[in-house]
Amino acid sequence: MAKYKIFVDGSSGTTGLRIADRLAARPEFEILTIPEGDRKNVRARAARINESDLSFLCLPDAAAREVAPLLRPDVRVLDTSTAHRTAPGWLYGLPELPGVRSALAVATRVAVPGCHATGFIAPVAPLVAAGLLPRSAHLCCYSLTGYSGGGKTMIAAYQAPRQDPALSAPRPYGLALHHKHLPEMRAVTGLETAPNFVPIVADYYAGMVTMVPLDLEALGLTARQVADTLAAAYAGGPVVAVHPLNEGADGGFLASNALAGSDRLEIFCLTNPEGNQMQLISLFDNLGKGSSGAAVQCMNLMLGLDECAGLAL
């Protein structure tokens, strides 16, 4: 049986390395490579991509935009950067959204979702689609991630023998409220306004928790409506699971690294005793469902393979 030819453009970065490692263990793939001296040669990289059955772009945004126009229309491409997540002609690669699994089977241009965006979209998009959240809703979102989400430079800073003392405490960032994931968070959920979003990085390697508070009373909703809508949206899916209403938190705590090493995403629907306020929480690995795991899941569907092949679930 012929093997699929796969190329990872940018295989030395955090996401690229993890994708390459996952693929190396699978016998159905032939991994294409490029000489070290050609790694910044856009035409050499494009030629390699055009030889492949499917390629991953694990590049900075500018480099992804530079190579994309040089690619054959029929070559299958998964872009892990921010460059094409809201671009025309690119499918947003969150298979759990309605119609996306079937669309992936024929797609040639797929943008892998951002990690923070995944944590926000997963609980919010089904509520907007069901009409429980109006498109005019103004939401807040807080998202805590391990430092691996910042790539090689941030990893080196946190793992330095003499770490800057400031890095030992959680650090909010993107405080100008202009984070690069905001366009996809708005566009994919269908909201008219992007959320008031504060990402936070902390001194642990991997795992993340994304929180979206809801004022149920102001929205005219019940906790049961929200929890049941989310449970129905993800029922039977292999990767995303919704915990029953007010279940799942361990003694009132939730460890943000609890799913590190996993490709699952779990949603919690937690309320106050009065039931008029809710916290929607997505728990997952920023390196799993937040990046390389999501990319491999999309690749499987694009190639007609088992959706969960190579995933840690």
Foldseek 3Di string as FASTA:
>chain_A
DAAFEEEELPCVWPLNVVLVVLVVVDPRYDYDDDDPVCSVPLVSVQVSQQVGQEYEHPDELVSCVVNVVSHDQQRAYEYAYLNPCPPPLEAEQDCLPPPNLVVLQRHRHYYDAAQQLCFLCLLQQLCCVVVLDPLADAWEKEKEWEQCSVMDVSVCQLPPPDHDPVQQAKDKDPVVQPDSNQVNSSVNSNHPHGYSYIYIYHNDHKFMKMKIKDQQVVSVHFLVVSQVSSQVSCPPPDAEHEDHAQDDADVPHDDRCPAPVAQHKYWYWYDDPVRRMTMIMIIHICSHVNGNVSSQLSVCSNVVHDSCPSGHD
